[in-house]
């Protein structure tokens, strides 16, 4: 392929320059090979999805992270979607267990947790329990402060 052409091969991927001819216009001059970036859940059609993406583990155990919290929430389930991509505002339904004096206490359900992604990521502390089970994985994390509402 001559230099400056609209398509450039990079590690078996093809980068298309804006305004370049589409695949149909190129015919058999370029081969488009799969780079394995599709995933499907249940009966859904395969779609582009991340794989081998993870949050690096920290040094403390989950028990140590919980033990340092006088009052908080240990989230075991998140419900719905609620992220504003412009402002970073985050709000979702949740269920889990209250943390009181560094120990898991009574279960809670149908509550709402809220915060701002910038502040959440800035105060995130990962535990050392990362396990690779899915295409996207993360250890237990502690976020310094969020708003919680419900009973």
Protein backbone atom coordinates (compact mmCIF):
# COMPACT_ATOMS: atom_id res chain seq x y z
CA UNK A 1 0.00 0.00 0.00
CA UNK A 2 1.57 3.35 -0.94
CA UNK A 3 2.46 5.86 1.75
CA UNK A 4 -0.26 8.38 2.47
CA UNK A 5 -3.06 6.02 1.40
CA UNK A 6 -6.32 6.24 3.35
CA UNK A 7 -5.85 2.83 5.01
CA UNK A 8 -2.91 1.85 7.17
CA UNK A 9 -2.42 -1.66 8.58
CA UNK A 10 -1.43 -1.65 12.26
CA UNK A 11 -0.94 -4.98 14.06
CA UNK A 12 -3.71 -6.73 12.10
CA UNK A 13 -6.07 -3.80 12.68
CA UNK A 14 -7.13 -1.33 10.02
CA UNK A 15 -7.28 2.37 10.70
CA UNK A 16 -9.58 4.29 8.37
CA UNK A 17 -8.83 7.93 7.68
CA UNK A 18 -11.95 10.16 7.71
CA UNK A 19 -13.20 10.58 4.16
CA UNK A 20 -11.49 7.38 3.01
CA UNK A 21 -13.34 4.94 0.73
CA UNK A 22 -15.60 2.49 2.54
CA UNK A 23 -14.97 -1.27 2.45
CA UNK A 24 -17.51 -1.69 -0.35
CA UNK A 25 -15.65 0.83 -2.52
CA UNK A 26 -12.29 -0.85 -1.92
CA UNK A 27 -13.49 -4.26 -3.06
CA UNK A 28 -10.88 -7.01 -2.73
CA UNK A 29 -7.90 -4.67 -2.43
CA UNK A 30 -7.98 -4.78 1.40
CA UNK A 31 -8.74 -7.71 3.68
CA UNK A 32 -10.60 -6.93 6.88
CA UNK A 33 -9.75 -9.52 9.52
CA UNK A 34 -11.37 -9.95 12.91
CA UNK A 35 -9.36 -8.79 15.90
CA UNK A 36 -11.68 -10.64 18.29
CA UNK A 37 -13.33 -7.62 19.89
CA UNK A 38 -16.92 -8.92 19.97
CA UNK A 39 -18.87 -10.33 22.88
CA UNK A 40 -22.46 -11.51 23.37
CA UNK A 41 -24.56 -11.97 26.47
CA UNK A 42 -27.47 -14.40 26.47
CA UNK A 43 -29.32 -14.25 23.17
CA UNK A 44 -28.05 -10.77 22.23
CA UNK A 45 -26.18 -10.19 18.99
CA UNK A 46 -22.39 -9.94 19.30
CA UNK A 47 -21.21 -6.36 19.69
CA UNK A 48 -17.86 -4.62 20.33
CA UNK A 49 -16.88 -5.07 23.97
CA UNK A 50 -13.77 -4.69 26.11
CA UNK A 51 -11.73 -7.71 27.08
CA UNK A 52 -8.68 -8.12 29.28
CA UNK A 53 -9.59 -4.86 31.02
CA UNK A 54 -9.02 -4.70 34.77
CA UNK A 55 -8.42 -2.37 37.69
CA UNK A 56 -5.06 -3.14 39.28
CA UNK A 57 -5.26 -4.57 42.81
CA UNK A 58 -4.11 -2.67 45.87
CA UNK A 59 -2.21 -3.88 48.95
CA UNK A 60 -4.91 -4.10 51.62
CA UNK A 61 -7.36 -6.96 52.09
CA UNK A 62 -11.09 -6.33 51.71
CA UNK A 63 -11.41 -6.97 55.46
CA UNK A 64 -8.87 -4.22 56.19
CA UNK A 65 -10.72 -1.76 53.92
CA UNK A 66 -14.02 -2.57 55.67
CA UNK A 67 -12.38 -2.49 59.10
CA UNK A 68 -11.32 1.14 58.61
CA UNK A 69 -14.93 2.32 58.01
CA UNK A 70 -16.93 3.48 61.04
CA UNK A 71 -20.19 3.78 59.12
CA UNK A 72 -20.76 2.93 55.47
CA UNK A 73 -22.25 0.58 52.92
CA UNK A 74 -20.91 -2.66 51.44
CA UNK A 75 -22.58 -2.86 48.01
CA UNK A 76 -23.36 -6.35 46.69
CA UNK A 77 -25.78 -5.42 43.90
CA UNK A 78 -26.25 -2.43 41.60
CA UNK A 79 -29.55 -1.73 39.84
CA UNK A 80 -30.20 0.33 36.71
CA UNK A 81 -28.03 2.85 34.93
CA UNK A 82 -27.46 6.41 36.02
CA UNK A 83 -24.33 8.15 34.76
CA UNK A 84 -24.26 11.60 33.19
CA UNK A 85 -21.32 11.46 30.78
CA UNK A 86 -21.06 15.26 30.64
CA UNK A 87 -21.08 16.16 34.35
CA UNK A 88 -19.94 12.82 35.79
CA UNK A 89 -22.93 12.65 38.12
CA UNK A 90 -23.60 9.05 39.16
CA UNK A 91 -26.77 7.65 40.76
CA UNK A 92 -27.90 4.02 40.96
CA UNK A 93 -30.06 1.73 42.99
CA UNK A 94 -28.16 -0.62 45.28
CA UNK A 95 -28.42 -3.40 47.83
CA UNK A 96 -25.88 -4.73 50.30
CA UNK A 97 -24.97 -4.52 53.98
CA UNK A 98 -24.42 -1.60 56.30
CA UNK A 99 -20.93 -1.30 57.77
CA UNK A 100 -20.89 -0.31 61.43
CA UNK A 101 -17.67 0.04 63.45
CA UNK A 102 -15.66 -1.80 60.80
CA UNK A 103 -17.97 -4.82 60.54
CA UNK A 104 -20.76 -5.88 58.20
CA UNK A 105 -24.14 -5.35 59.86
CA UNK A 106 -27.77 -5.53 58.72
CA UNK A 107 -28.73 -6.05 55.07
CA UNK A 108 -30.21 -3.13 53.11
CA UNK A 109 -32.11 -3.04 49.81
CA UNK A 110 -33.84 -0.54 47.56
CA UNK A 111 -31.46 2.28 48.41
CA UNK A 112 -29.85 4.85 46.15
CA UNK A 113 -26.16 5.70 46.06
CA UNK A 114 -24.93 8.87 44.36
CA UNK A 115 -21.72 10.73 43.73
CA UNK A 116 -19.55 12.24 41.02
CA UNK A 117 -17.24 10.03 38.94
CA UNK A 118 -14.28 12.41 39.21
CA UNK A 119 -14.48 12.41 43.02
CA UNK A 120 -15.23 8.68 43.16
CA UNK A 121 -12.16 7.75 41.08
CA UNK A 122 -9.95 10.24 42.96
CA UNK A 123 -10.79 8.61 46.32
CA UNK A 124 -10.98 4.97 45.17
CA UNK A 125 -8.84 2.45 47.09
CA UNK A 126 -8.62 -1.05 45.55
CA UNK A 127 -8.22 -4.19 47.66
CA UNK A 128 -5.85 -7.07 46.88
CA UNK A 129 -8.55 -9.58 45.84
CA UNK A 130 -8.56 -9.18 42.05
CA UNK A 131 -9.77 -12.36 40.33
CA UNK A 132 -9.85 -12.76 36.54
CA UNK A 133 -13.30 -14.15 35.70
CA UNK A 134 -14.74 -11.94 32.98
CA UNK A 135 -13.59 -9.62 30.19
CA UNK A 136 -13.65 -6.70 32.64
CA UNK A 137 -12.55 -7.34 36.24
CA UNK A 138 -11.94 -5.34 39.40
CA UNK A 139 -11.06 -6.06 43.01
CA UNK A 140 -13.18 -4.90 45.93
CA UNK A 141 -12.92 -1.10 46.11
CA UNK A 142 -13.53 1.48 48.82
CA UNK A 143 -14.75 4.95 47.82
CA UNK A 144 -14.18 7.57 50.47
CA UNK A 145 -17.57 9.33 50.29
CA UNK A 146 -20.87 8.97 48.47
CA UNK A 147 -24.43 9.96 49.25
CA UNK A 148 -26.79 7.19 50.33
CA UNK A 149 -30.59 7.42 50.60
CA UNK A 150 -33.27 4.90 51.54
CA UNK A 151 -34.11 2.53 54.37
